[in-house]
Amino acid sequence: QVQLVESGGGSVKAGGSLTLSCAVSGYTYRSYFMGWFRQAPGKEREGVAGFTSGGGATLYADSVAGRFTISQDNAKHTVFLQMNSLKADDTAMYYCAMDPPQSGGLGLASKLRSADFRYWGQGTQVTVSS
């Protein structure tokens, strides 16, 4: 049973930083797509960052490029989202998601746009005050 558990959310002032963690367990596939998403009240879920395992592509939404960094610690089965220069517009519930690649399936960019991921965490709230 695949489980993703986010942590690290909280309240921070604009300009500050937070690092979100996503602890993964039970995943037995050899390769995967990994993504961070966010959803603010009244808005659609937005893919903010993602990567393909094994040194594949890493992508960021234009809204966070240059401020957010996605990374992983394979030994700890954990994925991180380092968020710097936070803005009030970054306020949202943040989710990590994971999906095994499928032959003929969507690529990373399409998966981030469509949120086409099989496994999701419960989310962690990030609130940025101006």
Protein backbone atom coordinates (compact mmCIF):
# COMPACT_ATOMS: atom_id res chain seq x y z
CA GLN A 1 0.00 0.00 0.00
CA VAL A 2 1.54 3.26 -1.13
CA GLN A 3 1.43 6.09 1.37
CA LEU A 4 2.59 9.67 1.01
CA VAL A 5 2.73 11.88 4.08
CA GLU A 6 3.46 15.59 3.79
CA SER A 7 4.85 17.76 6.54
CA GLY A 8 6.54 21.10 6.99
CA GLY A 9 3.70 23.46 6.26
CA GLY A 10 2.98 26.46 8.43
CA SER A 11 2.60 30.20 8.56
CA VAL A 12 5.31 32.52 7.34
CA LYS A 13 5.65 36.16 6.38
CA ALA A 14 6.13 37.20 2.78
CA GLY A 15 9.74 36.83 1.76
CA GLY A 16 10.28 33.92 4.08
CA SER A 17 11.05 30.28 3.38
CA LEU A 18 9.61 26.87 4.12
CA THR A 19 10.64 23.35 3.24
CA LEU A 20 7.92 20.76 2.71
CA SER A 21 8.65 17.05 3.04
CA CYS A 22 6.86 14.09 1.54
CA ALA A 23 7.66 10.72 3.10
CA VAL A 24 6.93 7.81 0.78
CA SER A 25 6.31 4.23 1.81
CA GLY A 26 5.06 1.09 0.14
CA TYR A 27 6.07 2.09 -3.40
CA THR A 28 7.55 -0.89 -5.21
CA TYR A 29 7.85 0.40 -8.78
CA ARG A 30 11.38 0.96 -10.05
CA SER A 31 10.60 4.29 -11.66
CA TYR A 32 8.09 7.03 -11.04
CA PHE A 33 6.84 10.53 -11.62
CA MET A 34 6.84 12.77 -8.56
CA GLY A 35 4.97 16.03 -8.23
CA TRP A 36 4.05 18.80 -5.83
CA PHE A 37 0.68 20.45 -6.26
CA ARG A 38 -1.19 23.19 -4.48
CA GLN A 39 -4.78 24.27 -4.21
CA ALA A 40 -6.05 27.52 -2.80
CA PRO A 41 -9.70 28.01 -1.83
CA GLY A 42 -11.83 28.59 -4.89
CA LYS A 43 -8.99 27.78 -7.27
CA GLU A 44 -8.07 24.75 -9.32
CA ARG A 45 -5.28 22.43 -8.26
CA GLU A 46 -1.98 23.59 -9.73
CA GLY A 47 1.09 21.50 -10.41
CA VAL A 48 4.04 23.54 -9.12
CA ALA A 49 6.98 21.16 -9.50
CA GLY A 50 7.77 17.64 -10.56
CA PHE A 51 10.43 15.26 -11.76
CA THR A 52 10.91 11.91 -13.40
CA SER A 53 13.00 9.41 -11.49
CA GLY A 54 16.41 8.30 -12.67
CA GLY A 55 17.68 11.71 -13.63
CA GLY A 56 14.81 12.57 -15.92
CA ALA A 57 13.16 15.92 -16.41
CA THR A 58 12.49 18.42 -13.63
CA LEU A 59 9.80 21.01 -14.26
CA TYR A 60 8.45 24.03 -12.43
CA ALA A 61 5.39 26.16 -12.92
CA ASP A 62 6.18 29.66 -14.13
CA SER A 63 4.69 31.03 -10.92
CA VAL A 64 7.36 29.36 -8.76
CA ALA A 65 10.37 28.96 -11.08
CA GLY A 66 13.48 30.39 -9.49
CA ARG A 67 11.92 30.35 -6.01
CA PHE A 68 10.98 26.69 -5.43
CA THR A 69 13.24 23.65 -5.67
CA ILE A 70 12.14 20.02 -5.72
CA SER A 71 14.61 17.39 -4.53
CA GLN A 72 14.73 13.93 -3.06
CA ASP A 73 16.64 11.86 -0.55
CA ASN A 74 16.44 8.32 -1.88
CA ALA A 75 17.92 6.81 1.25
CA LYS A 76 15.13 8.34 3.33
CA HIS A 77 12.41 7.85 0.70
CA THR A 78 11.56 11.50 1.04
CA VAL A 79 10.89 14.25 -1.47
CA PHE A 80 11.27 17.91 -0.58
CA LEU A 81 9.96 21.21 -1.83
CA GLN A 82 12.18 24.10 -0.80
CA MET A 83 10.19 27.32 -1.07
CA ASN A 84 11.97 30.65 -0.92
CA SER A 85 10.83 34.25 -1.37
CA LEU A 86 7.31 33.24 -0.49
CA LYS A 87 4.44 35.45 -1.54
CA ALA A 88 0.88 35.77 -0.32
CA ASP A 89 -0.22 34.11 -3.58
CA ASP A 90 1.65 30.96 -2.50
CA THR A 91 -0.92 30.41 0.25
CA ALA A 92 -2.56 27.04 -0.40
CA MET A 93 -2.82 23.44 0.64
CA TYR A 94 0.20 21.63 -0.77
CA TYR A 95 0.09 18.00 -1.85
CA CYS A 96 2.71 15.56 -3.05
CA ALA A 97 1.80 12.93 -5.60
CA MET A 98 3.43 9.93 -7.19
CA ASP A 99 2.70 7.79 -10.23
CA PRO A 100 4.37 4.91 -12.03
CA PRO A 101 5.14 5.59 -15.69
CA GLN A 102 3.12 3.70 -18.25
CA SER A 103 4.01 2.86 -21.81
CA GLY A 104 2.33 5.40 -24.04
CA GLY A 105 1.19 7.41 -21.06
CA LEU A 106 1.44 11.13 -20.43
CA GLY A 107 4.77 12.84 -19.96
CA LEU A 108 5.68 14.84 -16.90
CA ALA A 109 4.47 18.20 -18.19
CA SER A 110 1.06 16.80 -19.12
CA LYS A 111 0.76 14.96 -15.85
CA LEU A 112 1.48 18.15 -13.89
CA ARG A 113 -1.10 20.07 -15.92
CA SER A 114 -3.77 17.40 -15.52
CA ALA A 115 -2.87 16.19 -12.01
CA ASP A 116 -2.86 12.67 -13.45
CA PHE A 117 -1.18 10.95 -10.51
CA ARG A 118 -2.33 7.79 -8.85
CA TYR A 119 -1.09 8.31 -5.31
CA TRP A 120 -1.64 11.43 -3.21
CA GLY A 121 -0.80 12.64 0.25
CA GLN A 122 -3.25 14.31 2.59
CA GLY A 123 -1.79 17.77 2.16
CA THR A 124 -0.05 20.36 4.32
CA GLN A 125 -1.19 23.96 4.66
CA VAL A 126 1.07 26.86 3.77
CA THR A 127 -0.05 30.35 4.74
CA VAL A 128 1.96 33.40 3.71
CA SER A 129 1.04 36.73 5.25
CA SER A 130 1.88 40.00 3.59
